[in-house]
């Protein structure tokens, strides 16, 4: 269950951004994008930086392997990736 405020945007700029994405893509924005813009102080830059480190930082696995693991995990959780 997701809060309605996440779907519609909590601030004027968020609502405008989500409307633009809907208009441009002719589809509903994915949940990750909505979440990042809902609490951008928490989920925005800090989350994006962490995700970048995990997916592209030093590792024994290549970035492609990590992307494949993420896609497989999303599929198991019935999540659109």
N, C-alpha and C. Protein backbone atom coordinates (compact mmCIF):
# COMPACT_ATOMS: atom_id res chain seq x y z
N UNK A 1 0.84 -1.17 0.00
CA UNK A 1 0.00 0.00 0.00
C UNK A 1 0.89 1.24 0.00
N UNK A 2 0.57 2.19 -0.83
CA UNK A 2 1.34 3.42 -0.92
C UNK A 2 0.45 4.59 -0.52
N UNK A 3 1.03 5.56 0.14
CA UNK A 3 0.30 6.77 0.50
C UNK A 3 -0.10 7.53 -0.75
N UNK A 4 -1.30 8.07 -0.76
CA UNK A 4 -1.78 8.82 -1.92
C UNK A 4 -0.88 10.02 -2.20
N UNK A 5 -0.31 10.61 -1.16
CA UNK A 5 0.55 11.78 -1.34
C UNK A 5 1.80 11.42 -2.15
N UNK A 6 2.26 10.18 -2.07
CA UNK A 6 3.41 9.75 -2.87
C UNK A 6 3.02 9.70 -4.34
N UNK A 7 1.82 9.23 -4.63
CA UNK A 7 1.37 9.14 -6.02
C UNK A 7 1.13 10.50 -6.66
N UNK A 8 0.63 11.44 -5.88
CA UNK A 8 0.30 12.73 -6.49
C UNK A 8 1.38 13.79 -6.30
N UNK A 9 2.29 13.58 -5.34
CA UNK A 9 3.33 14.58 -5.07
C UNK A 9 2.95 15.39 -3.85
N UNK A 10 3.91 15.64 -2.98
CA UNK A 10 3.61 16.32 -1.73
C UNK A 10 3.77 17.83 -1.82
N UNK A 11 4.58 18.27 -2.72
CA UNK A 11 4.81 19.71 -2.89
C UNK A 11 4.47 20.12 -4.31
N UNK A 12 4.29 21.39 -4.50
CA UNK A 12 3.91 21.90 -5.81
C UNK A 12 4.91 21.47 -6.88
N UNK A 13 6.19 21.61 -6.61
CA UNK A 13 7.22 21.23 -7.59
C UNK A 13 7.18 19.73 -7.88
N UNK A 14 6.91 18.91 -6.86
CA UNK A 14 6.82 17.46 -7.06
C UNK A 14 5.62 17.11 -7.94
N UNK A 15 4.48 17.75 -7.67
CA UNK A 15 3.30 17.49 -8.48
C UNK A 15 3.54 17.87 -9.93
N UNK A 16 4.18 19.01 -10.13
CA UNK A 16 4.48 19.46 -11.49
C UNK A 16 5.42 18.49 -12.18
N UNK A 17 6.45 18.03 -11.48
CA UNK A 17 7.40 17.09 -12.06
C UNK A 17 6.70 15.78 -12.45
N UNK A 18 5.87 15.23 -11.56
CA UNK A 18 5.18 13.98 -11.85
C UNK A 18 4.22 14.14 -13.03
N UNK A 19 3.55 15.28 -13.11
CA UNK A 19 2.68 15.54 -14.26
C UNK A 19 3.49 15.58 -15.55
N UNK A 20 4.65 16.21 -15.50
CA UNK A 20 5.51 16.28 -16.67
C UNK A 20 5.96 14.88 -17.10
N UNK A 21 6.34 14.05 -16.14
CA UNK A 21 6.76 12.67 -16.46
C UNK A 21 5.61 11.90 -17.09
N UNK A 22 4.41 12.03 -16.53
CA UNK A 22 3.24 11.35 -17.09
C UNK A 22 2.96 11.81 -18.52
N UNK A 23 3.04 13.11 -18.72
CA UNK A 23 2.79 13.67 -20.05
C UNK A 23 3.85 13.22 -21.05
N UNK A 24 5.10 13.28 -20.64
CA UNK A 24 6.21 12.95 -21.53
C UNK A 24 6.25 11.46 -21.86
N UNK A 25 6.05 10.61 -20.86
CA UNK A 25 6.17 9.16 -21.07
C UNK A 25 4.85 8.51 -21.45
N UNK A 26 3.75 9.24 -21.26
CA UNK A 26 2.41 8.70 -21.47
C UNK A 26 2.19 7.43 -20.64
N UNK A 27 2.80 7.41 -19.46
CA UNK A 27 2.66 6.28 -18.53
C UNK A 27 2.82 6.81 -17.10
N UNK A 28 2.40 6.00 -16.17
CA UNK A 28 2.54 6.35 -14.75
C UNK A 28 4.02 6.21 -14.34
N UNK A 29 4.57 7.21 -13.66
CA UNK A 29 5.96 7.09 -13.19
C UNK A 29 6.13 5.89 -12.25
N UNK A 30 7.30 5.28 -12.29
CA UNK A 30 7.57 4.13 -11.44
C UNK A 30 7.65 4.57 -9.98
N UNK A 31 7.42 3.62 -9.08
CA UNK A 31 7.38 3.91 -7.65
C UNK A 31 8.65 4.51 -7.10
N UNK A 32 9.81 4.06 -7.61
CA UNK A 32 11.08 4.59 -7.11
C UNK A 32 11.17 6.08 -7.39
N UNK A 33 10.78 6.50 -8.57
CA UNK A 33 10.82 7.92 -8.91
C UNK A 33 9.89 8.73 -8.00
N UNK A 34 8.70 8.20 -7.74
CA UNK A 34 7.76 8.88 -6.86
C UNK A 34 8.32 9.00 -5.45
N UNK A 35 8.93 7.93 -4.97
CA UNK A 35 9.47 7.93 -3.61
C UNK A 35 10.62 8.92 -3.47
N UNK A 36 11.50 8.93 -4.44
CA UNK A 36 12.65 9.86 -4.41
C UNK A 36 12.16 11.31 -4.35
N UNK A 37 11.11 11.61 -5.07
CA UNK A 37 10.61 12.99 -5.07
C UNK A 37 9.68 13.29 -3.90
N UNK A 38 9.15 12.26 -3.26
CA UNK A 38 8.29 12.49 -2.10
C UNK A 38 9.09 13.02 -0.92
N UNK A 39 10.19 12.38 -0.60
CA UNK A 39 11.05 12.82 0.51
C UNK A 39 12.45 13.01 -0.04
N UNK A 40 12.63 14.01 -0.87
CA UNK A 40 13.91 14.19 -1.54
C UNK A 40 15.05 14.46 -0.56
N UNK A 41 14.75 15.02 0.61
CA UNK A 41 15.80 15.25 1.59
C UNK A 41 16.36 13.93 2.13
N UNK A 42 15.53 12.90 2.16
CA UNK A 42 15.97 11.59 2.65
C UNK A 42 16.25 10.64 1.49
N UNK A 43 15.29 10.53 0.58
CA UNK A 43 15.40 9.56 -0.51
C UNK A 43 16.09 10.12 -1.75
N UNK A 44 16.20 11.40 -1.88
CA UNK A 44 16.79 12.00 -3.07
C UNK A 44 18.27 11.74 -3.21
N UNK A 45 19.07 12.73 -2.88
CA UNK A 45 20.52 12.63 -3.04
C UNK A 45 21.15 11.53 -2.19
N UNK A 46 20.82 11.41 -0.88
CA UNK A 46 21.45 10.34 -0.09
C UNK A 46 21.19 8.94 -0.66
N UNK A 47 19.95 8.68 -1.05
CA UNK A 47 19.61 7.37 -1.61
C UNK A 47 20.28 7.15 -2.96
N UNK A 48 20.27 8.16 -3.79
CA UNK A 48 20.91 8.06 -5.10
C UNK A 48 22.41 7.82 -4.97
N UNK A 49 23.05 8.51 -4.04
CA UNK A 49 24.49 8.30 -3.82
C UNK A 49 24.77 6.88 -3.34
N UNK A 50 23.97 6.38 -2.41
CA UNK A 50 24.14 5.02 -1.92
C UNK A 50 23.94 4.02 -3.05
N UNK A 51 22.90 4.20 -3.82
CA UNK A 51 22.63 3.30 -4.93
C UNK A 51 23.77 3.31 -5.95
N UNK A 52 24.30 4.48 -6.23
CA UNK A 52 25.43 4.59 -7.15
C UNK A 52 26.65 3.83 -6.60
N UNK A 53 26.92 3.96 -5.33
CA UNK A 53 28.04 3.23 -4.72
C UNK A 53 27.84 1.72 -4.81
N UNK A 54 26.63 1.28 -4.52
CA UNK A 54 26.35 -0.16 -4.54
C UNK A 54 26.44 -0.72 -5.96
N UNK A 55 25.89 0.00 -6.91
CA UNK A 55 25.83 -0.53 -8.27
C UNK A 55 27.09 -0.28 -9.09
N UNK A 56 27.85 0.74 -8.74
CA UNK A 56 29.02 1.08 -9.57
C UNK A 56 30.33 1.14 -8.80
N UNK A 57 30.29 1.01 -7.48
CA UNK A 57 31.50 1.10 -6.67
C UNK A 57 32.36 -0.16 -6.79
N UNK A 58 33.46 -0.19 -6.05
CA UNK A 58 34.36 -1.34 -6.09
C UNK A 58 33.64 -2.63 -5.68
N UNK A 59 33.88 -3.68 -6.43
CA UNK A 59 33.24 -4.96 -6.14
C UNK A 59 33.92 -6.05 -6.97
N UNK A 60 33.75 -7.27 -6.53
CA UNK A 60 34.22 -8.41 -7.32
C UNK A 60 33.31 -8.65 -8.52
N UNK A 61 32.09 -8.12 -8.47
CA UNK A 61 31.13 -8.29 -9.55
C UNK A 61 31.17 -7.08 -10.47
N UNK A 62 30.93 -7.30 -11.74
CA UNK A 62 30.88 -6.20 -12.70
C UNK A 62 29.56 -5.44 -12.53
N UNK A 63 29.49 -4.20 -13.02
CA UNK A 63 28.21 -3.48 -12.97
C UNK A 63 27.09 -4.25 -13.68
N UNK A 64 27.41 -4.92 -14.77
CA UNK A 64 26.40 -5.71 -15.48
C UNK A 64 25.85 -6.85 -14.64
N UNK A 65 26.74 -7.52 -13.91
CA UNK A 65 26.29 -8.60 -13.03
C UNK A 65 25.40 -8.05 -11.92
N UNK A 66 25.76 -6.90 -11.38
CA UNK A 66 24.94 -6.30 -10.32
C UNK A 66 23.58 -5.90 -10.85
N UNK A 67 23.53 -5.37 -12.07
CA UNK A 67 22.24 -5.02 -12.69
C UNK A 67 21.39 -6.27 -12.87
N UNK A 68 22.03 -7.35 -13.31
CA UNK A 68 21.31 -8.61 -13.49
C UNK A 68 20.76 -9.13 -12.16
N UNK A 69 21.55 -9.06 -11.10
CA UNK A 69 21.08 -9.47 -9.78
C UNK A 69 19.89 -8.62 -9.34
N UNK A 70 19.97 -7.33 -9.57
CA UNK A 70 18.88 -6.43 -9.19
C UNK A 70 17.61 -6.75 -9.98
N UNK A 71 17.75 -7.00 -11.28
CA UNK A 71 16.59 -7.34 -12.10
C UNK A 71 15.96 -8.66 -11.66
N UNK A 72 16.81 -9.65 -11.37
CA UNK A 72 16.31 -10.95 -10.93
C UNK A 72 15.58 -10.83 -9.59
N UNK A 73 16.15 -10.07 -8.66
CA UNK A 73 15.52 -9.87 -7.36
C UNK A 73 14.18 -9.15 -7.51
N UNK A 74 14.13 -8.16 -8.38
CA UNK A 74 12.87 -7.45 -8.62
C UNK A 74 11.84 -8.40 -9.21
N UNK A 75 12.25 -9.25 -10.12
CA UNK A 75 11.33 -10.22 -10.71
C UNK A 75 10.78 -11.17 -9.65
N UNK A 76 11.63 -11.65 -8.75
CA UNK A 76 11.16 -12.53 -7.69
C UNK A 76 10.14 -11.84 -6.80
N UNK A 77 10.32 -10.55 -6.59
CA UNK A 77 9.39 -9.78 -5.76
C UNK A 77 8.21 -9.22 -6.54
N UNK A 78 8.06 -9.65 -7.81
CA UNK A 78 6.97 -9.16 -8.68
C UNK A 78 6.99 -7.64 -8.79
N UNK A 79 8.19 -7.09 -8.84
CA UNK A 79 8.37 -5.64 -8.92
C UNK A 79 8.77 -5.26 -10.34
N UNK A 80 8.14 -4.22 -10.89
CA UNK A 80 8.58 -3.75 -12.21
C UNK A 80 9.96 -3.15 -12.07
N UNK A 81 10.87 -3.56 -12.89
CA UNK A 81 12.26 -3.10 -12.82
C UNK A 81 12.56 -2.21 -13.98
